Amino acid sequence: MVTALIGGAAVAAAAYAAKYGIRAWQAFKARPPTLRKFYEGGFQPTMTRREAALILGVRESVPITKVREAHRRVMVANHPDAGGSHYLASKINEAKETLLGRTKGSSSAF
């Protein structure tokens, strides 16, 4: 008798947990996408510091060490040897060079 009562309570608790879990998941999926983690826009003919900062996911006035860390992180995710695009890799490199102030005003080779 006690075993059946404990089993029934466990089934009821699992049902309530599933019910609230499903509701939470539906509310999570229905929320508006407010935060974007990566730059989703197209590229300008000549890269600006703002666009370079958006590509690397940093602020425009960030220390050189942070630029290099962000470049490495984004490049690992988009490197051509790991299935990434040569075009994106060149734009990521161009963004790093722009933020480090090493560009000569030329645009990408692509």
PDB file of N, CA and C in Angstrom:
ATOM      1  N   MET A   1       0.805  -1.186   0.000  1.00  0.00           N
ATOM      2  CA  MET A   1       0.000   0.000   0.000  1.00  0.00           C
ATOM      3  C   MET A   1       0.857   1.263   0.000  1.00  0.00           C
ATOM      4  N   VAL A   2       1.887   1.310   0.839  1.00  0.00           N
ATOM      5  CA  VAL A   2       2.765   2.474   0.923  1.00  0.00           C
ATOM      6  C   VAL A   2       3.561   2.612  -0.373  1.00  0.00           C
ATOM      7  N   THR A   3       3.967   1.480  -0.969  1.00  0.00           N
ATOM      8  CA  THR A   3       4.730   1.517  -2.217  1.00  0.00           C
ATOM      9  C   THR A   3       3.891   2.110  -3.344  1.00  0.00           C
ATOM     10  N   ALA A   4       2.625   1.753  -3.400  1.00  0.00           N
ATOM     11  CA  ALA A   4       1.744   2.304  -4.428  1.00  0.00           C
ATOM     12  C   ALA A   4       1.542   3.800  -4.234  1.00  0.00           C
ATOM     13  N   LEU A   5       1.456   4.235  -2.990  1.00  0.00           N
ATOM     14  CA  LEU A   5       1.286   5.661  -2.696  1.00  0.00           C
ATOM     15  C   LEU A   5       2.535   6.459  -3.109  1.00  0.00           C
ATOM     16  N   ILE A   6       3.703   5.922  -2.794  1.00  0.00           N
ATOM     17  CA  ILE A   6       4.949   6.585  -3.175  1.00  0.00           C
ATOM     18  C   ILE A   6       5.100   6.600  -4.696  1.00  0.00           C
ATOM     19  N   GLY A   7       4.761   5.500  -5.345  1.00  0.00           N
ATOM     20  CA  GLY A   7       4.832   5.434  -6.809  1.00  0.00           C
ATOM     21  C   GLY A   7       3.878   6.426  -7.459  1.00  0.00           C
ATOM     22  N   GLY A   8       2.679   6.555  -6.930  1.00  0.00           N
ATOM     23  CA  GLY A   8       1.708   7.505  -7.457  1.00  0.00           C
ATOM     24  C   GLY A   8       2.172   8.941  -7.288  1.00  0.00           C
ATOM     25  N   ALA A   9       2.764   9.233  -6.131  1.00  0.00           N
ATOM     26  CA  ALA A   9       3.278  10.577  -5.881  1.00  0.00           C
ATOM     27  C   ALA A   9       4.429  10.898  -6.836  1.00  0.00           C
ATOM     28  N   ALA A  10       5.260   9.904  -7.109  1.00  0.00           N
ATOM     29  CA  ALA A  10       6.383  10.114  -8.028  1.00  0.00           C
ATOM     30  C   ALA A  10       5.887  10.368  -9.445  1.00  0.00           C
ATOM     31  N   VAL A  11       4.876   9.638  -9.876  1.00  0.00           N
ATOM     32  CA  VAL A  11       4.306   9.841 -11.217  1.00  0.00           C
ATOM     33  C   VAL A  11       3.665  11.219 -11.310  1.00  0.00           C
ATOM     34  N   ALA A  12       2.943  11.630 -10.277  1.00  0.00           N
ATOM     35  CA  ALA A  12       2.309  12.948 -10.277  1.00  0.00           C
ATOM     36  C   ALA A  12       3.365  14.058 -10.300  1.00  0.00           C
ATOM     37  N   ALA A  13       4.425  13.903  -9.537  1.00  0.00           N
ATOM     38  CA  ALA A  13       5.486  14.908  -9.525  1.00  0.00           C
ATOM     39  C   ALA A  13       6.157  14.998 -10.893  1.00  0.00           C
ATOM     40  N   ALA A  14       6.383  13.868 -11.532  1.00  0.00           N
ATOM     41  CA  ALA A  14       6.991  13.869 -12.864  1.00  0.00           C
ATOM     42  C   ALA A  14       6.062  14.537 -13.875  1.00  0.00           C
ATOM     43  N   ALA A  15       4.762  14.307 -13.759  1.00  0.00           N
ATOM     44  CA  ALA A  15       3.809  14.922 -14.682  1.00  0.00           C
ATOM     45  C   ALA A  15       3.786  16.440 -14.512  1.00  0.00           C
ATOM     46  N   TYR A  16       3.778  16.916 -13.268  1.00  0.00           N
ATOM     47  CA  TYR A  16       3.800  18.358 -13.035  1.00  0.00           C
ATOM     48  C   TYR A  16       5.104  18.975 -13.528  1.00  0.00           C
ATOM     49  N   ALA A  17       6.209  18.302 -13.306  1.00  0.00           N
ATOM     50  CA  ALA A  17       7.500  18.823 -13.766  1.00  0.00           C
ATOM     51  C   ALA A  17       7.533  18.898 -15.288  1.00  0.00           C
ATOM     52  N   ALA A  18       7.004  17.888 -15.963  1.00  0.00           N
ATOM     53  CA  ALA A  18       6.964  17.896 -17.426  1.00  0.00           C
ATOM     54  C   ALA A  18       6.059  19.017 -17.931  1.00  0.00           C
ATOM     55  N   LYS A  19       4.928  19.213 -17.282  1.00  0.00           N
ATOM     56  CA  LYS A  19       3.990  20.264 -17.681  1.00  0.00           C
ATOM     57  C   LYS A  19       4.656  21.637 -17.609  1.00  0.00           C
ATOM     58  N   TYR A  20       5.313  21.936 -16.496  1.00  0.00           N
ATOM     59  CA  TYR A  20       5.964  23.228 -16.351  1.00  0.00           C
ATOM     60  C   TYR A  20       7.211  23.344 -17.223  1.00  0.00           C
ATOM     61  N   GLY A  21       7.880  22.242 -17.461  1.00  0.00           N
ATOM     62  CA  GLY A  21       9.022  22.251 -18.365  1.00  0.00           C
ATOM     63  C   GLY A  21       8.609  22.570 -19.792  1.00  0.00           C
ATOM     64  N   ILE A  22       7.516  21.986 -20.238  1.00  0.00           N
ATOM     65  CA  ILE A  22       7.012  22.261 -21.591  1.00  0.00           C
ATOM     66  C   ILE A  22       6.580  23.714 -21.711  1.00  0.00           C
ATOM     67  N   ARG A  23       5.906  24.230 -20.707  1.00  0.00           N
ATOM     68  CA  ARG A  23       5.489  25.643 -20.731  1.00  0.00           C
ATOM     69  C   ARG A  23       6.697  26.577 -20.760  1.00  0.00           C
ATOM     70  N   ALA A  24       7.710  26.270 -19.982  1.00  0.00           N
ATOM     71  CA  ALA A  24       8.917  27.112 -19.961  1.00  0.00           C
ATOM     72  C   ALA A  24       9.613  27.066 -21.314  1.00  0.00           C
ATOM     73  N   TRP A  25       9.684  25.895 -21.927  1.00  0.00           N
ATOM     74  CA  TRP A  25      10.325  25.773 -23.236  1.00  0.00           C
ATOM     75  C   TRP A  25       9.558  26.568 -24.293  1.00  0.00           C
ATOM     76  N   GLN A  26       8.227  26.499 -24.265  1.00  0.00           N
ATOM     77  CA  GLN A  26       7.427  27.255 -25.225  1.00  0.00           C
ATOM     78  C   GLN A  26       7.597  28.759 -25.026  1.00  0.00           C
ATOM     79  N   ALA A  27       7.670  29.212 -23.799  1.00  0.00           N
ATOM     80  CA  ALA A  27       7.884  30.627 -23.523  1.00  0.00           C
ATOM     81  C   ALA A  27       9.283  31.053 -23.975  1.00  0.00           C
ATOM     82  N   PHE A  28      10.254  30.189 -23.795  1.00  0.00           N
ATOM     83  CA  PHE A  28      11.620  30.482 -24.229  1.00  0.00           C
ATOM     84  C   PHE A  28      11.694  30.611 -25.744  1.00  0.00           C
ATOM     85  N   LYS A  29      11.045  29.719 -26.464  1.00  0.00           N
ATOM     86  CA  LYS A  29      11.068  29.763 -27.920  1.00  0.00           C
ATOM     87  C   LYS A  29      10.264  30.933 -28.478  1.00  0.00           C
ATOM     88  N   ALA A  30       9.259  31.404 -27.756  1.00  0.00           N
ATOM     89  CA  ALA A  30       8.391  32.473 -28.241  1.00  0.00           C
ATOM     90  C   ALA A  30       8.971  33.867 -27.986  1.00  0.00           C
ATOM     91  N   ARG A  31      10.019  33.971 -27.185  1.00  0.00           N
ATOM     92  CA  ARG A  31      10.576  35.288 -26.873  1.00  0.00           C
ATOM     93  C   ARG A  31      11.199  35.907 -28.113  1.00  0.00           C
ATOM     94  N   PRO A  32      11.160  37.222 -28.214  1.00  0.00           N
ATOM     95  CA  PRO A  32      11.744  37.885 -29.385  1.00  0.00           C
ATOM     96  C   PRO A  32      13.269  37.832 -29.328  1.00  0.00           C
ATOM     97  N   PRO A  33      13.908  37.660 -30.458  1.00  0.00           N
ATOM     98  CA  PRO A  33      15.371  37.623 -30.458  1.00  0.00           C
ATOM     99  C   PRO A  33      15.942  39.027 -30.286  1.00  0.00           C
ATOM    100  N   THR A  34      16.386  39.351 -29.087  1.00  0.00           N
ATOM    101  CA  THR A  34      16.872  40.692 -28.810  1.00  0.00           C
ATOM    102  C   THR A  34      18.388  40.782 -28.845  1.00  0.00           C
ATOM    103  N   LEU A  35      19.061  39.727 -28.488  1.00  0.00           N
ATOM    104  CA  LEU A  35      20.514  39.756 -28.452  1.00  0.00           C
ATOM    105  C   LEU A  35      21.078  38.918 -29.589  1.00  0.00           C
ATOM    106  N   ARG A  36      21.970  39.503 -30.349  1.00  0.00           N
ATOM    107  CA  ARG A  36      22.654  38.771 -31.407  1.00  0.00           C
ATOM    108  C   ARG A  36      24.100  38.625 -30.995  1.00  0.00           C
ATOM    109  N   LYS A  37      24.609  37.438 -31.088  1.00  0.00           N
ATOM    110  CA  LYS A  37      25.966  37.192 -30.633  1.00  0.00           C
ATOM    111  C   LYS A  37      27.003  37.554 -31.682  1.00  0.00           C
ATOM    112  N   PHE A  38      26.665  37.428 -32.937  1.00  0.00           N
ATOM    113  CA  PHE A  38      27.622  37.682 -33.993  1.00  0.00           C
ATOM    114  C   PHE A  38      27.082  38.708 -34.976  1.00  0.00           C
ATOM    115  N   TYR A  39      27.972  39.320 -35.689  1.00  0.00           N
ATOM    116  CA  TYR A  39      27.625  40.311 -36.706  1.00  0.00           C
ATOM    117  C   TYR A  39      26.926  39.607 -37.863  1.00  0.00           C
ATOM    118  N   GLU A  40      25.713  40.035 -38.193  1.00  0.00           N
ATOM    119  CA  GLU A  40      24.927  39.357 -39.214  1.00  0.00           C
ATOM    120  C   GLU A  40      24.750  40.183 -40.482  1.00  0.00           C
ATOM    121  N   GLY A  41      25.343  41.348 -40.552  1.00  0.00           N
ATOM    122  CA  GLY A  41      25.132  42.226 -41.696  1.00  0.00           C
ATOM    123  C   GLY A  41      26.061  41.919 -42.855  1.00  0.00           C
ATOM    124  N   GLY A  42      25.843  42.607 -43.974  1.00  0.00           N
ATOM    125  CA  GLY A  42      26.718  42.482 -45.126  1.00  0.00           C
ATOM    126  C   GLY A  42      27.973  43.322 -44.923  1.00  0.00           C
ATOM    127  N   PHE A  43      28.875  43.256 -45.873  1.00  0.00           N
ATOM    128  CA  PHE A  43      30.138  43.973 -45.756  1.00  0.00           C
ATOM    129  C   PHE A  43      30.114  45.244 -46.589  1.00  0.00           C
ATOM    130  N   GLN A  44      30.758  46.295 -46.075  1.00  0.00           N
ATOM    131  CA  GLN A  44      30.889  47.564 -46.779  1.00  0.00           C
ATOM    132  C   GLN A  44      32.049  47.453 -47.775  1.00  0.00           C
ATOM    133  N   PRO A  45      32.064  48.287 -48.830  1.00  0.00           N
ATOM    134  CA  PRO A  45      33.180  48.222 -49.789  1.00  0.00           C
ATOM    135  C   PRO A  45      34.538  48.485 -49.126  1.00  0.00           C
ATOM    136  N   THR A  46      34.602  49.461 -48.229  1.00  0.00           N
ATOM    137  CA  THR A  46      35.816  49.732 -47.467  1.00  0.00           C
ATOM    138  C   THR A  46      35.480  49.543 -46.003  1.00  0.00           C
ATOM    139  N   MET A  47      36.242  48.713 -45.318  1.00  0.00           N
ATOM    140  CA  MET A  47      35.922  48.381 -43.938  1.00  0.00           C
ATOM    141  C   MET A  47      36.208  49.554 -43.014  1.00  0.00           C
ATOM    142  N   THR A  48      35.245  49.846 -42.153  1.00  0.00           N
ATOM    143  CA  THR A  48      35.396  50.891 -41.145  1.00  0.00           C
ATOM    144  C   THR A  48      35.756  50.248 -39.812  1.00  0.00           C
ATOM    145  N   ARG A  49      36.160  51.080 -38.854  1.00  0.00           N
ATOM    146  CA  ARG A  49      36.477  50.549 -37.518  1.00  0.00           C
ATOM    147  C   ARG A  49      35.223  49.969 -36.863  1.00  0.00           C
ATOM    148  N   ARG A  50      34.082  50.582 -37.110  1.00  0.00           N
ATOM    149  CA  ARG A  50      32.837  50.079 -36.534  1.00  0.00           C
ATOM    150  C   ARG A  50      32.519  48.691 -37.071  1.00  0.00           C
ATOM    151  N   GLU A  51      32.622  48.528 -38.389  1.00  0.00           N
ATOM    152  CA  GLU A  51      32.336  47.230 -38.992  1.00  0.00           C
ATOM    153  C   GLU A  51      33.340  46.186 -38.516  1.00  0.00           C
ATOM    154  N   ALA A  52      34.605  46.570 -38.401  1.00  0.00           N
ATOM    155  CA  ALA A  52      35.633  45.639 -37.930  1.00  0.00           C
ATOM    156  C   ALA A  52      35.341  45.195 -36.496  1.00  0.00           C
ATOM    157  N   ALA A  53      34.914  46.138 -35.663  1.00  0.00           N
ATOM    158  CA  ALA A  53      34.582  45.794 -34.282  1.00  0.00           C
ATOM    159  C   ALA A  53      33.377  44.861 -34.218  1.00  0.00           C
ATOM    160  N   LEU A  54      32.396  45.072 -35.080  1.00  0.00           N
ATOM    161  CA  LEU A  54      31.231  44.191 -35.110  1.00  0.00           C
ATOM    162  C   LEU A  54      31.609  42.786 -35.563  1.00  0.00           C
ATOM    163  N   ILE A  55      32.488  42.679 -36.532  1.00  0.00           N
ATOM    164  CA  ILE A  55      32.905  41.371 -37.029  1.00  0.00           C
ATOM    165  C   ILE A  55      33.626  40.585 -35.941  1.00  0.00           C
ATOM    166  N   LEU A  56      34.511  41.254 -35.212  1.00  0.00           N
ATOM    167  CA  LEU A  56      35.275  40.566 -34.174  1.00  0.00           C
ATOM    168  C   LEU A  56      34.536  40.467 -32.843  1.00  0.00           C
ATOM    169  N   GLY A  57      33.442  41.200 -32.710  1.00  0.00           N
ATOM    170  CA  GLY A  57      32.659  41.129 -31.476  1.00  0.00           C
ATOM    171  C   GLY A  57      33.280  41.884 -30.320  1.00  0.00           C
ATOM    172  N   VAL A  58      33.961  42.995 -30.614  1.00  0.00           N
ATOM    173  CA  VAL A  58      34.578  43.823 -29.576  1.00  0.00           C
ATOM    174  C   VAL A  58      34.140  45.272 -29.767  1.00  0.00           C
ATOM    175  N   ARG A  59      34.548  46.130 -28.853  1.00  0.00           N
ATOM    176  CA  ARG A  59      34.279  47.564 -29.004  1.00  0.00           C
ATOM    177  C   ARG A  59      35.338  48.183 -29.903  1.00  0.00           C
ATOM    178  N   GLU A  60      35.031  49.359 -30.415  1.00  0.00           N
ATOM    179  CA  GLU A  60      35.982  50.028 -31.310  1.00  0.00           C
ATOM    180  C   GLU A  60      37.254  50.446 -30.578  1.00  0.00           C
ATOM    181  N   SER A  61      37.138  50.830 -29.326  1.00  0.00           N
ATOM    182  CA  SER A  61      38.296  51.279 -28.556  1.00  0.00           C
ATOM    183  C   SER A  61      38.701  50.191 -27.561  1.00  0.00           C
ATOM    184  N   VAL A  62      39.239  49.118 -28.090  1.00  0.00           N
ATOM    185  CA  VAL A  62      39.620  47.974 -27.268  1.00  0.00           C
ATOM    186  C   VAL A  62      41.147  47.825 -27.329  1.00  0.00           C
ATOM    187  N   PRO A  63      41.784  47.339 -26.264  1.00  0.00           N
ATOM    188  CA  PRO A  63      43.237  47.151 -26.301  1.00  0.00           C
ATOM    189  C   PRO A  63      43.658  46.129 -27.368  1.00  0.00           C
ATOM    190  N   ILE A  64      44.910  46.244 -27.792  1.00  0.00           N
ATOM    191  CA  ILE A  64      45.440  45.375 -28.842  1.00  0.00           C
ATOM    192  C   ILE A  64      45.353  43.910 -28.446  1.00  0.00           C
ATOM    193  N   THR A  65      45.579  43.601 -27.180  1.00  0.00           N
ATOM    194  CA  THR A  65      45.526  42.201 -26.752  1.00  0.00           C
ATOM    195  C   THR A  65      44.128  41.617 -26.916  1.00  0.00           C
ATOM    196  N   LYS A  66      43.109  42.422 -26.637  1.00  0.00           N
ATOM    197  CA  LYS A  66      41.722  41.950 -26.796  1.00  0.00           C
ATOM    198  C   LYS A  66      41.379  41.758 -28.266  1.00  0.00           C
ATOM    199  N   VAL A  67      41.928  42.616 -29.140  1.00  0.00           N
ATOM    200  CA  VAL A  67      41.698  42.460 -30.581  1.00  0.00           C
ATOM    201  C   VAL A  67      42.281  41.128 -31.045  1.00  0.00           C
ATOM    202  N   ARG A  68      43.494  40.833 -30.588  1.00  0.00           N
ATOM    203  CA  ARG A  68      44.146  39.576 -30.993  1.00  0.00           C
ATOM    204  C   ARG A  68      43.406  38.363 -30.463  1.00  0.00           C
ATOM    205  N   GLU A  69      42.905  38.424 -29.209  1.00  0.00           N
ATOM    206  CA  GLU A  69      42.132  37.317 -28.642  1.00  0.00           C
ATOM    207  C   GLU A  69      40.834  37.107 -29.417  1.00  0.00           C
ATOM    208  N   ALA A  70      40.141  38.202 -29.728  1.00  0.00           N
ATOM    209  CA  ALA A  70      38.884  38.106 -30.468  1.00  0.00           C
ATOM    210  C   ALA A  70      39.133  37.579 -31.871  1.00  0.00           C
ATOM    211  N   HIS A  71      40.217  38.022 -32.512  1.00  0.00           N
ATOM    212  CA  HIS A  71      40.551  37.538 -33.854  1.00  0.00           C
ATOM    213  C   HIS A  71      40.793  36.036 -33.827  1.00  0.00           C
ATOM    214  N   ARG A  72      41.555  35.582 -32.851  1.00  0.00           N
ATOM    215  CA  ARG A  72      41.840  34.154 -32.749  1.00  0.00           C
ATOM    216  C   ARG A  72      40.557  33.348 -32.540  1.00  0.00           C
ATOM    217  N   ARG A  73      39.668  33.829 -31.661  1.00  0.00           N
ATOM    218  CA  ARG A  73      38.420  33.127 -31.356  1.00  0.00           C
ATOM    219  C   ARG A  73      37.525  33.022 -32.599  1.00  0.00           C
ATOM    220  N   VAL A  74      37.381  34.129 -33.318  1.00  0.00           N
ATOM    221  CA  VAL A  74      36.514  34.136 -34.500  1.00  0.00           C
ATOM    222  C   VAL A  74      37.162  33.351 -35.644  1.00  0.00           C
ATOM    223  N   MET A  75      38.474  33.446 -35.765  1.00  0.00           N
ATOM    224  CA  MET A  75      39.158  32.740 -36.846  1.00  0.00           C
ATOM    225  C   MET A  75      39.116  31.222 -36.648  1.00  0.00           C
ATOM    226  N   VAL A  76      39.210  30.766 -35.410  1.00  0.00           N
ATOM    227  CA  VAL A  76      39.118  29.328 -35.149  1.00  0.00           C
ATOM    228  C   VAL A  76      37.769  28.799 -35.616  1.00  0.00           C
ATOM    229  N   ALA A  77      36.729  29.567 -35.423  1.00  0.00           N
ATOM    230  CA  ALA A  77      35.383  29.131 -35.821  1.00  0.00           C
ATOM    231  C   ALA A  77      35.164  29.208 -37.328  1.00  0.00           C
ATOM    232  N   ASN A  78      35.943  30.015 -38.045  1.00  0.00           N
ATOM    233  CA  ASN A  78      35.701  30.241 -39.472  1.00  0.00           C
ATOM    234  C   ASN A  78      36.906  29.952 -40.358  1.00  0.00           C
ATOM    235  N   HIS A  79      37.891  29.230 -39.858  1.00  0.00           N
ATOM    236  CA  HIS A  79      39.106  28.986 -40.634  1.00  0.00           C
ATOM    237  C   HIS A  79      38.817  28.062 -41.828  1.00  0.00           C
ATOM    238  N   PRO A  80      39.380  28.352 -42.994  1.00  0.00           N
ATOM    239  CA  PRO A  80      39.128  27.520 -44.177  1.00  0.00           C
ATOM    240  C   PRO A  80      39.563  26.064 -44.005  1.00  0.00           C
ATOM    241  N   ASP A  81      40.605  25.801 -43.239  1.00  0.00           N
ATOM    242  CA  ASP A  81      41.047  24.426 -43.015  1.00  0.00           C
ATOM    243  C   ASP A  81      40.058  23.631 -42.169  1.00  0.00           C
ATOM    244  N   ALA A  82      39.196  24.328 -41.448  1.00  0.00           N
ATOM    245  CA  ALA A  82      38.203  23.662 -40.603  1.00  0.00           C
ATOM    246  C   ALA A  82      36.813  23.742 -41.220  1.00  0.00           C
ATOM    247  N   GLY A  83      36.742  23.972 -42.522  1.00  0.00           N
ATOM    248  CA  GLY A  83      35.452  24.011 -43.194  1.00  0.00           C
ATOM    249  C   GLY A  83      34.865  25.398 -43.339  1.00  0.00           C
ATOM    250  N   GLY A  84      35.600  26.419 -42.971  1.00  0.00           N
ATOM    251  CA  GLY A  84      35.118  27.786 -43.091  1.00  0.00           C
ATOM    252  C   GLY A  84      35.340  28.340 -44.489  1.00  0.00           C
ATOM    253  N   SER A  85      34.984  29.571 -44.670  1.00  0.00           N
ATOM    254  CA  SER A  85      35.063  30.229 -45.966  1.00  0.00           C
ATOM    255  C   SER A  85      36.349  31.052 -46.085  1.00  0.00           C
ATOM    256  N   HIS A  86      36.981  31.014 -47.251  1.00  0.00           N
ATOM    257  CA  HIS A  86      38.156  31.843 -47.503  1.00  0.00           C
ATOM    258  C   HIS A  86      37.776  33.324 -47.458  1.00  0.00           C
ATOM    259  N   TYR A  87      36.584  33.639 -47.973  1.00  0.00           N
ATOM    260  CA  TYR A  87      36.122  35.027 -47.981  1.00  0.00           C
ATOM    261  C   TYR A  87      35.960  35.552 -46.558  1.00  0.00           C
ATOM    262  N   LEU A  88      35.293  34.769 -45.699  1.00  0.00           N
ATOM    263  CA  LEU A  88      35.110  35.206 -44.317  1.00  0.00           C
ATOM    264  C   LEU A  88      36.442  35.318 -43.592  1.00  0.00           C
ATOM    265  N   ALA A  89      37.342  34.398 -43.851  1.00  0.00           N
ATOM    266  CA  ALA A  89      38.657  34.456 -43.209  1.00  0.00           C
ATOM    267  C   ALA A  89      39.394  35.728 -43.617  1.00  0.00           C
ATOM    268  N   SER A  90      39.290  36.109 -44.892  1.00  0.00           N
ATOM    269  CA  SER A  90      39.957  37.337 -45.329  1.00  0.00           C
ATOM    270  C   SER A  90      39.314  38.563 -44.688  1.00  0.00           C
ATOM    271  N   LYS A  91      37.993  38.554 -44.528  1.00  0.00           N
ATOM    272  CA  LYS A  91      37.314  39.676 -43.879  1.00  0.00           C
ATOM    273  C   LYS A  91      37.664  39.752 -42.392  1.00  0.00           C
ATOM    274  N   ILE A  92      37.815  38.609 -41.740  1.00  0.00           N
ATOM    275  CA  ILE A  92      38.205  38.592 -40.326  1.00  0.00           C
ATOM    276  C   ILE A  92      39.616  39.149 -40.180  1.00  0.00           C
ATOM    277  N   ASN A  93      40.517  38.742 -41.080  1.00  0.00           N
ATOM    278  CA  ASN A  93      41.877  39.279 -41.050  1.00  0.00           C
ATOM    279  C   ASN A  93      41.878  40.779 -41.328  1.00  0.00           C
ATOM    280  N   GLU A  94      41.053  41.210 -42.267  1.00  0.00           N
ATOM    281  CA  GLU A  94      40.961  42.639 -42.582  1.00  0.00           C
ATOM    282  C   GLU A  94      40.429  43.421 -41.385  1.00  0.00           C
ATOM    283  N   ALA A  95      39.477  42.838 -40.657  1.00  0.00           N
ATOM    284  CA  ALA A  95      38.941  43.495 -39.463  1.00  0.00           C
ATOM    285  C   ALA A  95      40.028  43.659 -38.404  1.00  0.00           C
ATOM    286  N   LYS A  96      40.830  42.627 -38.217  1.00  0.00           N
ATOM    287  CA  LYS A  96      41.936  42.730 -37.248  1.00  0.00           C
ATOM    288  C   LYS A  96      42.920  43.817 -37.658  1.00  0.00           C
ATOM    289  N   GLU A  97      43.282  43.834 -38.923  1.00  0.00           N
ATOM    290  CA  GLU A  97      44.224  44.834 -39.400  1.00  0.00           C
ATOM    291  C   GLU A  97      43.647  46.252 -39.275  1.00  0.00           C
ATOM    292  N   THR A  98      42.367  46.391 -39.512  1.00  0.00           N
ATOM    293  CA  THR A  98      41.729  47.706 -39.387  1.00  0.00           C
ATOM    294  C   THR A  98      41.766  48.194 -37.946  1.00  0.00           C
ATOM    295  N   LEU A  99      41.437  47.310 -36.998  1.00  0.00           N
ATOM    296  CA  LEU A  99      41.437  47.717 -35.594  1.00  0.00           C
ATOM    297  C   LEU A  99      42.846  47.948 -35.062  1.00  0.00           C
ATOM    298  N   LEU A 100      43.819  47.260 -35.626  1.00  0.00           N
ATOM    299  CA  LEU A 100      45.197  47.476 -35.194  1.00  0.00           C
ATOM    300  C   LEU A 100      45.834  48.661 -35.902  1.00  0.00           C
ATOM    301  N   GLY A 101      45.140  49.221 -36.904  1.00  0.00           N
ATOM    302  CA  GLY A 101      45.627  50.400 -37.602  1.00  0.00           C
ATOM    303  C   GLY A 101      46.701  50.110 -38.627  1.00  0.00           C
ATOM    304  N   ARG A 102      46.685  48.937 -39.199  1.00  0.00           N
ATOM    305  CA  ARG A 102      47.722  48.551 -40.153  1.00  0.00           C
ATOM    306  C   ARG A 102      47.265  48.587 -41.600  1.00  0.00           C
ATOM    307  N   THR A 103      46.049  49.038 -41.871  1.00  0.00           N
ATOM    308  CA  THR A 103      45.543  49.025 -43.253  1.00  0.00           C
ATOM    309  C   THR A 103      46.046  50.239 -44.011  1.00  0.00           C
ATOM    310  N   LYS A 104      46.131  50.088 -45.309  1.00  0.00           N
ATOM    311  CA  LYS A 104      46.577  51.172 -46.176  1.00  0.00           C
ATOM    312  C   LYS A 104      45.417  51.713 -47.001  1.00  0.00           C
ATOM    313  N   GLY A 105      44.193  51.445 -46.566  1.00  0.00           N
ATOM    314  CA  GLY A 105      43.018  51.944 -47.277  1.00  0.00           C
ATOM    315  C   GLY A 105      42.561  51.046 -48.399  1.00  0.00           C
ATOM    316  N   SER A 106      43.191  49.899 -48.587  1.00  0.00           N
ATOM    317  CA  SER A 106      42.761  48.993 -49.642  1.00  0.00           C
ATOM    318  C   SER A 106      41.711  48.050 -49.109  1.00  0.00           C
ATOM    319  N   SER A 107      40.866  47.585 -50.001  1.00  0.00           N
ATOM    320  CA  SER A 107      39.828  46.655 -49.589  1.00  0.00           C
ATOM    321  C   SER A 107      40.311  45.234 -49.809  1.00  0.00           C
ATOM    322  N   SER A 108      39.454  44.288 -49.514  1.00  0.00           N
ATOM    323  CA  SER A 108      39.802  42.878 -49.612  1.00  0.00           C
ATOM    324  C   SER A 108      40.035  42.460 -51.051  1.00  0.00           C
ATOM    325  N   ALA A 109      40.790  41.395 -51.230  1.00  0.00           N
ATOM    326  CA  ALA A 109      41.073  40.880 -52.578  1.00  0.00           C
ATOM    327  C   ALA A 109      39.848  40.237 -53.195  1.00  0.00           C
ATOM    328  N   PHE A 110      38.844  39.958 -52.376  1.00  0.00           N
ATOM    329  CA  PHE A 110      37.646  39.302 -52.899  1.00  0.00           C
ATOM    330  C   PHE A 110      36.656  40.341 -53.274  1.00  0.00           C
TER     331      PHE A 110
END
